[in-house]
Amino acid sequence: MVATGRSLSLAIDRLKDVGVQETSIISVNYLASPQGLEFVQQRHPDCTYVIASIEEALTENGYMLPGIGDFGDRFFSAG
């Protein structure tokens, strides 16, 4: 999922660091916030993004609305 877009942007940076061309990167996600998608697309415009659902918004805490909250925090009981 792409909430703020920062984790995805860092992952793309790491791929590029080892020589992967941005045009070869395809990111497949089940949820994205409009803000997160915009963030990552501005930094990596030549990647391909496949998103199953774009949510309405991102809260000030970084949770997608309506979304599922922060899945990682919930799954790993952090936070």
PDB file of N, CA and C in Angstrom:
ATOM      1  N   MET A   1       0.841  -1.164   0.000  1.00  0.00           N
ATOM      2  CA  MET A   1       0.000   0.000   0.000  1.00  0.00           C
ATOM      3  C   MET A   1       0.890   1.232   0.000  1.00  0.00           C
ATOM      4  N   VAL A   2       0.375   2.299  -0.547  1.00  0.00           N
ATOM      5  CA  VAL A   2       1.115   3.552  -0.632  1.00  0.00           C
ATOM      6  C   VAL A   2       0.342   4.597   0.164  1.00  0.00           C
ATOM      7  N   ALA A   3       0.792   4.864   1.393  1.00  0.00           N
ATOM      8  CA  ALA A   3       0.125   5.874   2.215  1.00  0.00           C
ATOM      9  C   ALA A   3       0.782   7.228   1.963  1.00  0.00           C
ATOM     10  N   THR A   4       1.975   7.447   2.517  1.00  0.00           N
ATOM     11  CA  THR A   4       2.679   8.717   2.282  1.00  0.00           C
ATOM     12  C   THR A   4       3.534   8.668   1.031  1.00  0.00           C
ATOM     13  N   GLY A   5       3.895   7.474   0.593  1.00  0.00           N
ATOM     14  CA  GLY A   5       4.745   7.293  -0.582  1.00  0.00           C
ATOM     15  C   GLY A   5       6.225   7.235  -0.263  1.00  0.00           C
ATOM     16  N   ARG A   6       6.591   7.519   0.962  1.00  0.00           N
ATOM     17  CA  ARG A   6       8.011   7.574   1.310  1.00  0.00           C
ATOM     18  C   ARG A   6       8.696   6.208   1.262  1.00  0.00           C
ATOM     19  N   SER A   7       8.046   5.171   1.774  1.00  0.00           N
ATOM     20  CA  SER A   7       8.657   3.831   1.747  1.00  0.00           C
ATOM     21  C   SER A   7       8.847   3.350   0.313  1.00  0.00           C
ATOM     22  N   LEU A   8       7.849   3.559  -0.518  1.00  0.00           N
ATOM     23  CA  LEU A   8       7.962   3.142  -1.912  1.00  0.00           C
ATOM     24  C   LEU A   8       9.059   3.931  -2.616  1.00  0.00           C
ATOM     25  N   SER A   9       9.131   5.224  -2.347  1.00  0.00           N
ATOM     26  CA  SER A   9      10.166   6.045  -2.962  1.00  0.00           C
ATOM     27  C   SER A   9      11.561   5.561  -2.562  1.00  0.00           C
ATOM     28  N   LEU A  10      11.747   5.219  -1.285  1.00  0.00           N
ATOM     29  CA  LEU A  10      13.038   4.687  -0.829  1.00  0.00           C
ATOM     30  C   LEU A  10      13.360   3.348  -1.484  1.00  0.00           C
ATOM     31  N   ALA A  11      12.347   2.490  -1.630  1.00  0.00           N
ATOM     32  CA  ALA A  11      12.562   1.193  -2.282  1.00  0.00           C
ATOM     33  C   ALA A  11      12.997   1.388  -3.738  1.00  0.00           C
ATOM     34  N   ILE A  12      12.368   2.318  -4.417  1.00  0.00           N
ATOM     35  CA  ILE A  12      12.749   2.608  -5.803  1.00  0.00           C
ATOM     36  C   ILE A  12      14.170   3.170  -5.855  1.00  0.00           C
ATOM     37  N   ASP A  13      14.505   4.043  -4.907  1.00  0.00           N
ATOM     38  CA  ASP A  13      15.877   4.571  -4.835  1.00  0.00           C
ATOM     39  C   ASP A  13      16.887   3.444  -4.705  1.00  0.00           C
ATOM     40  N   ARG A  14      16.587   2.456  -3.855  1.00  0.00           N
ATOM     41  CA  ARG A  14      17.527   1.334  -3.654  1.00  0.00           C
ATOM     42  C   ARG A  14      17.683   0.511  -4.931  1.00  0.00           C
ATOM     43  N   LEU A  15      16.576   0.285  -5.618  1.00  0.00           N
ATOM     44  CA  LEU A  15      16.660  -0.451  -6.887  1.00  0.00           C
ATOM     45  C   LEU A  15      17.527   0.306  -7.886  1.00  0.00           C
ATOM     46  N   LYS A  16      17.334   1.609  -7.951  1.00  0.00           N
ATOM     47  CA  LYS A  16      18.137   2.426  -8.871  1.00  0.00           C
ATOM     48  C   LYS A  16      19.607   2.431  -8.470  1.00  0.00           C
ATOM     49  N   ASP A  17      19.876   2.389  -7.148  1.00  0.00           N
ATOM     50  CA  ASP A  17      21.259   2.359  -6.653  1.00  0.00           C
ATOM     51  C   ASP A  17      22.022   1.136  -7.150  1.00  0.00           C
ATOM     52  N   VAL A  18      21.321   0.033  -7.381  1.00  0.00           N
ATOM     53  CA  VAL A  18      21.993  -1.186  -7.854  1.00  0.00           C
ATOM     54  C   VAL A  18      21.859  -1.362  -9.362  1.00  0.00           C
ATOM     55  N   GLY A  19      21.422  -0.303 -10.038  1.00  0.00           N
ATOM     56  CA  GLY A  19      21.451  -0.320 -11.496  1.00  0.00           C
ATOM     57  C   GLY A  19      20.150  -0.597 -12.222  1.00  0.00           C
ATOM     58  N   VAL A  20      19.051  -0.741 -11.507  1.00  0.00           N
ATOM     59  CA  VAL A  20      17.775  -0.988 -12.169  1.00  0.00           C
ATOM     60  C   VAL A  20      17.285   0.317 -12.797  1.00  0.00           C
ATOM     61  N   GLN A  21      16.914   0.251 -14.053  1.00  0.00           N
ATOM     62  CA  GLN A  21      16.389   1.427 -14.737  1.00  0.00           C
ATOM     63  C   GLN A  21      14.971   1.711 -14.249  1.00  0.00           C
ATOM     64  N   GLU A  22      14.677   2.993 -14.029  1.00  0.00           N
ATOM     65  CA  GLU A  22      13.355   3.374 -13.541  1.00  0.00           C
ATOM     66  C   GLU A  22      12.249   2.899 -14.481  1.00  0.00           C
ATOM     67  N   THR A  23      12.515   2.881 -15.762  1.00  0.00           N
ATOM     68  CA  THR A  23      11.507   2.436 -16.729  1.00  0.00           C
ATOM     69  C   THR A  23      11.205   0.944 -16.613  1.00  0.00           C
ATOM     70  N   SER A  24      12.052   0.199 -15.898  1.00  0.00           N
ATOM     71  CA  SER A  24      11.842  -1.239 -15.699  1.00  0.00           C
ATOM     72  C   SER A  24      11.107  -1.558 -14.410  1.00  0.00           C
ATOM     73  N   ILE A  25      10.816  -0.553 -13.597  1.00  0.00           N
ATOM     74  CA  ILE A  25      10.207  -0.773 -12.295  1.00  0.00           C
ATOM     75  C   ILE A  25       8.684  -0.670 -12.412  1.00  0.00           C
ATOM     76  N   ILE A  26       8.005  -1.717 -11.955  1.00  0.00           N
ATOM     77  CA  ILE A  26       6.544  -1.734 -11.908  1.00  0.00           C
ATOM     78  C   ILE A  26       6.144  -1.952 -10.453  1.00  0.00           C
ATOM     79  N   SER A  27       5.428  -0.995  -9.893  1.00  0.00           N
ATOM     80  CA  SER A  27       4.965  -1.083  -8.507  1.00  0.00           C
ATOM     81  C   SER A  27       3.494  -1.478  -8.514  1.00  0.00           C
ATOM     82  N   VAL A  28       3.171  -2.607  -7.882  1.00  0.00           N
ATOM     83  CA  VAL A  28       1.793  -3.104  -7.824  1.00  0.00           C
ATOM     84  C   VAL A  28       1.319  -2.986  -6.374  1.00  0.00           C
ATOM     85  N   ASN A  29       0.228  -2.246  -6.174  1.00  0.00           N
ATOM     86  CA  ASN A  29      -0.269  -1.960  -4.826  1.00  0.00           C
ATOM     87  C   ASN A  29      -1.768  -2.124  -4.774  1.00  0.00           C
ATOM     88  N   TYR A  30      -2.279  -2.527  -3.621  1.00  0.00           N
ATOM     89  CA  TYR A  30      -3.726  -2.690  -3.498  1.00  0.00           C
ATOM     90  C   TYR A  30      -4.411  -1.411  -3.047  1.00  0.00           C
ATOM     91  N   LEU A  31      -3.716  -0.520  -2.329  1.00  0.00           N
ATOM     92  CA  LEU A  31      -4.291   0.750  -1.896  1.00  0.00           C
ATOM     93  C   LEU A  31      -3.266   1.860  -2.045  1.00  0.00           C
ATOM     94  N   ALA A  32      -3.752   3.068  -2.321  1.00  0.00           N
ATOM     95  CA  ALA A  32      -2.877   4.240  -2.341  1.00  0.00           C
ATOM     96  C   ALA A  32      -3.692   5.464  -1.967  1.00  0.00           C
ATOM     97  N   SER A  33      -3.037   6.389  -1.292  1.00  0.00           N
ATOM     98  CA  SER A  33      -3.673   7.683  -1.043  1.00  0.00           C
ATOM     99  C   SER A  33      -3.299   8.593  -2.211  1.00  0.00           C
ATOM    100  N   PRO A  34      -4.134   9.560  -2.524  1.00  0.00           N
ATOM    101  CA  PRO A  34      -3.776  10.497  -3.597  1.00  0.00           C
ATOM    102  C   PRO A  34      -2.458  11.212  -3.300  1.00  0.00           C
ATOM    103  N   GLN A  35      -2.238  11.585  -2.042  1.00  0.00           N
ATOM    104  CA  GLN A  35      -1.022  12.296  -1.672  1.00  0.00           C
ATOM    105  C   GLN A  35       0.220  11.417  -1.828  1.00  0.00           C
ATOM    106  N   GLY A  36       0.117  10.172  -1.404  1.00  0.00           N
ATOM    107  CA  GLY A  36       1.253   9.261  -1.523  1.00  0.00           C
ATOM    108  C   GLY A  36       1.603   8.962  -2.964  1.00  0.00           C
ATOM    109  N   LEU A  37       0.587   8.770  -3.763  1.00  0.00           N
ATOM    110  CA  LEU A  37       0.816   8.504  -5.182  1.00  0.00           C
ATOM    111  C   LEU A  37       1.463   9.704  -5.856  1.00  0.00           C
ATOM    112  N   GLU A  38       0.994  10.894  -5.536  1.00  0.00           N
ATOM    113  CA  GLU A  38       1.590  12.110  -6.101  1.00  0.00           C
ATOM    114  C   GLU A  38       3.050  12.254  -5.666  1.00  0.00           C
ATOM    115  N   PHE A  39       3.320  11.981  -4.379  1.00  0.00           N
ATOM    116  CA  PHE A  39       4.679  12.073  -3.843  1.00  0.00           C
ATOM    117  C   PHE A  39       5.642  11.187  -4.624  1.00  0.00           C
ATOM    118  N   VAL A  40       5.270   9.937  -4.794  1.00  0.00           N
ATOM    119  CA  VAL A  40       6.178   8.993  -5.451  1.00  0.00           C
ATOM    120  C   VAL A  40       6.265   9.245  -6.960  1.00  0.00           C
ATOM    121  N   GLN A  41       5.168   9.632  -7.576  1.00  0.00           N
ATOM    122  CA  GLN A  41       5.200   9.907  -9.016  1.00  0.00           C
ATOM    123  C   GLN A  41       6.058  11.126  -9.341  1.00  0.00           C
ATOM    124  N   GLN A  42       6.076  12.113  -8.468  1.00  0.00           N
ATOM    125  CA  GLN A  42       6.914  13.290  -8.690  1.00  0.00           C
ATOM    126  C   GLN A  42       8.391  12.931  -8.621  1.00  0.00           C
ATOM    127  N   ARG A  43       8.749  12.005  -7.744  1.00  0.00           N
ATOM    128  CA  ARG A  43      10.150  11.622  -7.575  1.00  0.00           C
ATOM    129  C   ARG A  43      10.601  10.550  -8.565  1.00  0.00           C
ATOM    130  N   HIS A  44       9.658   9.751  -9.034  1.00  0.00           N
ATOM    131  CA  HIS A  44       9.991   8.645  -9.937  1.00  0.00           C
ATOM    132  C   HIS A  44       8.966   8.578 -11.071  1.00  0.00           C
ATOM    133  N   PRO A  45       8.989   9.558 -11.958  1.00  0.00           N
ATOM    134  CA  PRO A  45       7.951   9.645 -12.991  1.00  0.00           C
ATOM    135  C   PRO A  45       8.014   8.555 -14.057  1.00  0.00           C
ATOM    136  N   ASP A  46       9.148   7.876 -14.183  1.00  0.00           N
ATOM    137  CA  ASP A  46       9.276   6.883 -15.249  1.00  0.00           C
ATOM    138  C   ASP A  46       8.939   5.462 -14.812  1.00  0.00           C
ATOM    139  N   CYS A  47       8.563   5.271 -13.545  1.00  0.00           N
ATOM    140  CA  CYS A  47       8.097   3.966 -13.076  1.00  0.00           C
ATOM    141  C   CYS A  47       6.648   3.774 -13.515  1.00  0.00           C
ATOM    142  N   THR A  48       6.223   2.530 -13.506  1.00  0.00           N
ATOM    143  CA  THR A  48       4.817   2.206 -13.769  1.00  0.00           C
ATOM    144  C   THR A  48       4.166   1.866 -12.440  1.00  0.00           C
ATOM    145  N   TYR A  49       2.976   2.441 -12.204  1.00  0.00           N
ATOM    146  CA  TYR A  49       2.250   2.214 -10.958  1.00  0.00           C
ATOM    147  C   TYR A  49       0.912   1.561 -11.269  1.00  0.00           C
ATOM    148  N   VAL A  50       0.655   0.418 -10.635  1.00  0.00           N
ATOM    149  CA  VAL A  50      -0.617  -0.281 -10.771  1.00  0.00           C
ATOM    150  C   VAL A  50      -1.259  -0.257  -9.386  1.00  0.00           C
ATOM    151  N   ILE A  51      -2.420   0.388  -9.278  1.00  0.00           N
ATOM    152  CA  ILE A  51      -3.083   0.572  -7.995  1.00  0.00           C
ATOM    153  C   ILE A  51      -4.502   0.015  -8.096  1.00  0.00           C
ATOM    154  N   ALA A  52      -4.890  -0.873  -7.181  1.00  0.00           N
ATOM    155  CA  ALA A  52      -6.237  -1.445  -7.203  1.00  0.00           C
ATOM    156  C   ALA A  52      -7.279  -0.431  -6.766  1.00  0.00           C
ATOM    157  N   SER A  53      -6.946   0.401  -5.758  1.00  0.00           N
ATOM    158  CA  SER A  53      -7.907   1.375  -5.253  1.00  0.00           C
ATOM    159  C   SER A  53      -7.187   2.613  -4.755  1.00  0.00           C
ATOM    160  N   ILE A  54      -7.641   3.773  -5.210  1.00  0.00           N
ATOM    161  CA  ILE A  54      -7.113   5.029  -4.699  1.00  0.00           C
ATOM    162  C   ILE A  54      -8.121   5.560  -3.681  1.00  0.00           C
ATOM    163  N   GLU A  55      -7.670   5.706  -2.458  1.00  0.00           N
ATOM    164  CA  GLU A  55      -8.536   6.119  -1.364  1.00  0.00           C
ATOM    165  C   GLU A  55      -8.861   7.610  -1.456  1.00  0.00           C
ATOM    166  N   GLU A  56      -9.723   8.070  -0.552  1.00  0.00           N
ATOM    167  CA  GLU A  56     -10.180   9.453  -0.583  1.00  0.00           C
ATOM    168  C   GLU A  56      -9.128  10.453  -0.115  1.00  0.00           C
ATOM    169  N   ALA A  57      -8.423  10.116   0.956  1.00  0.00           N
ATOM    170  CA  ALA A  57      -7.507  11.088   1.545  1.00  0.00           C
ATOM    171  C   ALA A  57      -6.529  10.397   2.480  1.00  0.00           C
ATOM    172  N   LEU A  58      -5.605  11.192   2.987  1.00  0.00           N
ATOM    173  CA  LEU A  58      -4.628  10.747   3.975  1.00  0.00           C
ATOM    174  C   LEU A  58      -4.791  11.640   5.201  1.00  0.00           C
ATOM    175  N   THR A  59      -4.909  11.038   6.384  1.00  0.00           N
ATOM    176  CA  THR A  59      -5.071  11.837   7.602  1.00  0.00           C
ATOM    177  C   THR A  59      -3.740  12.462   7.994  1.00  0.00           C
ATOM    178  N   GLU A  60      -3.775  13.370   8.954  1.00  0.00           N
ATOM    179  CA  GLU A  60      -2.539  13.991   9.425  1.00  0.00           C
ATOM    180  C   GLU A  60      -1.620  12.979  10.104  1.00  0.00           C
ATOM    181  N   ASN A  61      -2.173  11.824  10.525  1.00  0.00           N
ATOM    182  CA  ASN A  61      -1.360  10.745  11.112  1.00  0.00           C
ATOM    183  C   ASN A  61      -0.810   9.792  10.060  1.00  0.00           C
ATOM    184  N   GLY A  62      -1.145  10.016   8.798  1.00  0.00           N
ATOM    185  CA  GLY A  62      -0.639   9.166   7.725  1.00  0.00           C
ATOM    186  C   GLY A  62      -1.486   7.950   7.434  1.00  0.00           C
ATOM    187  N   TYR A  63      -2.744   7.938   7.916  1.00  0.00           N
ATOM    188  CA  TYR A  63      -3.649   6.833   7.638  1.00  0.00           C
ATOM    189  C   TYR A  63      -4.550   7.185   6.459  1.00  0.00           C
ATOM    190  N   MET A  64      -4.827   6.190   5.635  1.00  0.00           N
ATOM    191  CA  MET A  64      -5.706   6.408   4.500  1.00  0.00           C
ATOM    192  C   MET A  64      -7.162   6.346   4.929  1.00  0.00           C
ATOM    193  N   LEU A  65      -7.965   7.181   4.298  1.00  0.00           N
ATOM    194  CA  LEU A  65      -9.406   7.190   4.541  1.00  0.00           C
ATOM    195  C   LEU A  65     -10.133   6.818   3.266  1.00  0.00           C
ATOM    196  N   PRO A  66     -11.070   5.878   3.264  1.00  0.00           N
ATOM    197  CA  PRO A  66     -11.441   5.096   4.435  1.00  0.00           C
ATOM    198  C   PRO A  66     -10.389   4.060   4.779  1.00  0.00           C
ATOM    199  N   GLY A  67      -9.724   3.447   3.812  1.00  0.00           N
ATOM    200  CA  GLY A  67      -8.565   2.592   4.028  1.00  0.00           C
ATOM    201  C   GLY A  67      -8.658   1.607   5.171  1.00  0.00           C
ATOM    202  N   ILE A  68      -7.481   1.142   5.594  1.00  0.00           N
ATOM    203  CA  ILE A  68      -7.404   0.142   6.668  1.00  0.00           C
ATOM    204  C   ILE A  68      -6.482   0.608   7.784  1.00  0.00           C
ATOM    205  N   GLY A  69      -6.206   1.902   7.853  1.00  0.00           N
ATOM    206  CA  GLY A  69      -5.252   2.390   8.843  1.00  0.00           C
ATOM    207  C   GLY A  69      -3.850   1.999   8.421  1.00  0.00           C
ATOM    208  N   ASP A  70      -2.927   1.979   9.323  1.00  0.00           N
ATOM    209  CA  ASP A  70      -1.557   1.594   8.997  1.00  0.00           C
ATOM    210  C   ASP A  70      -1.428   0.088   9.188  1.00  0.00           C
ATOM    211  N   PHE A  71      -1.502  -0.649   8.107  1.00  0.00           N
ATOM    212  CA  PHE A  71      -1.489  -2.107   8.164  1.00  0.00           C
ATOM    213  C   PHE A  71      -0.246  -2.634   8.874  1.00  0.00           C
ATOM    214  N   GLY A  72       0.902  -2.065   8.567  1.00  0.00           N
ATOM    215  CA  GLY A  72       2.137  -2.538   9.201  1.00  0.00           C
ATOM    216  C   GLY A  72       2.087  -2.402  10.706  1.00  0.00           C
ATOM    217  N   ASP A  73       1.636  -1.241  11.189  1.00  0.00           N
ATOM    218  CA  ASP A  73       1.531  -1.042  12.631  1.00  0.00           C
ATOM    219  C   ASP A  73       0.564  -2.050  13.237  1.00  0.00           C
ATOM    220  N   ARG A  74      -0.563  -2.234  12.595  1.00  0.00           N
ATOM    221  CA  ARG A  74      -1.550  -3.173  13.137  1.00  0.00           C
ATOM    222  C   ARG A  74      -1.062  -4.609  13.084  1.00  0.00           C
ATOM    223  N   PHE A  75      -0.456  -4.998  11.980  1.00  0.00           N
ATOM    224  CA  PHE A  75      -0.013  -6.389  11.813  1.00  0.00           C
ATOM    225  C   PHE A  75       1.115  -6.729  12.777  1.00  0.00           C
ATOM    226  N   PHE A  76       2.048  -5.788  12.950  1.00  0.00           N
ATOM    227  CA  PHE A  76       3.209  -6.062  13.785  1.00  0.00           C
ATOM    228  C   PHE A  76       3.063  -5.482  15.197  1.00  0.00           C
ATOM    229  N   SER A  77       1.875  -5.001  15.540  1.00  0.00           N
ATOM    230  CA  SER A  77       1.571  -4.456  16.878  1.00  0.00           C
ATOM    231  C   SER A  77       2.522  -3.343  17.289  1.00  0.00           C
ATOM    232  N   ALA A  78       2.926  -2.532  16.342  1.00  0.00           N
ATOM    233  CA  ALA A  78       3.809  -1.403  16.647  1.00  0.00           C
ATOM    234  C   ALA A  78       2.987  -0.127  16.592  1.00  0.00           C
ATOM    235  N   GLY A  79       2.788   0.486  17.684  1.00  0.00           N
ATOM    236  CA  GLY A  79       2.103   1.771  17.643  1.00  0.00           C
ATOM    237  C   GLY A  79       0.776   1.802  18.249  1.00  0.00           C
TER     238      GLY A  79
END
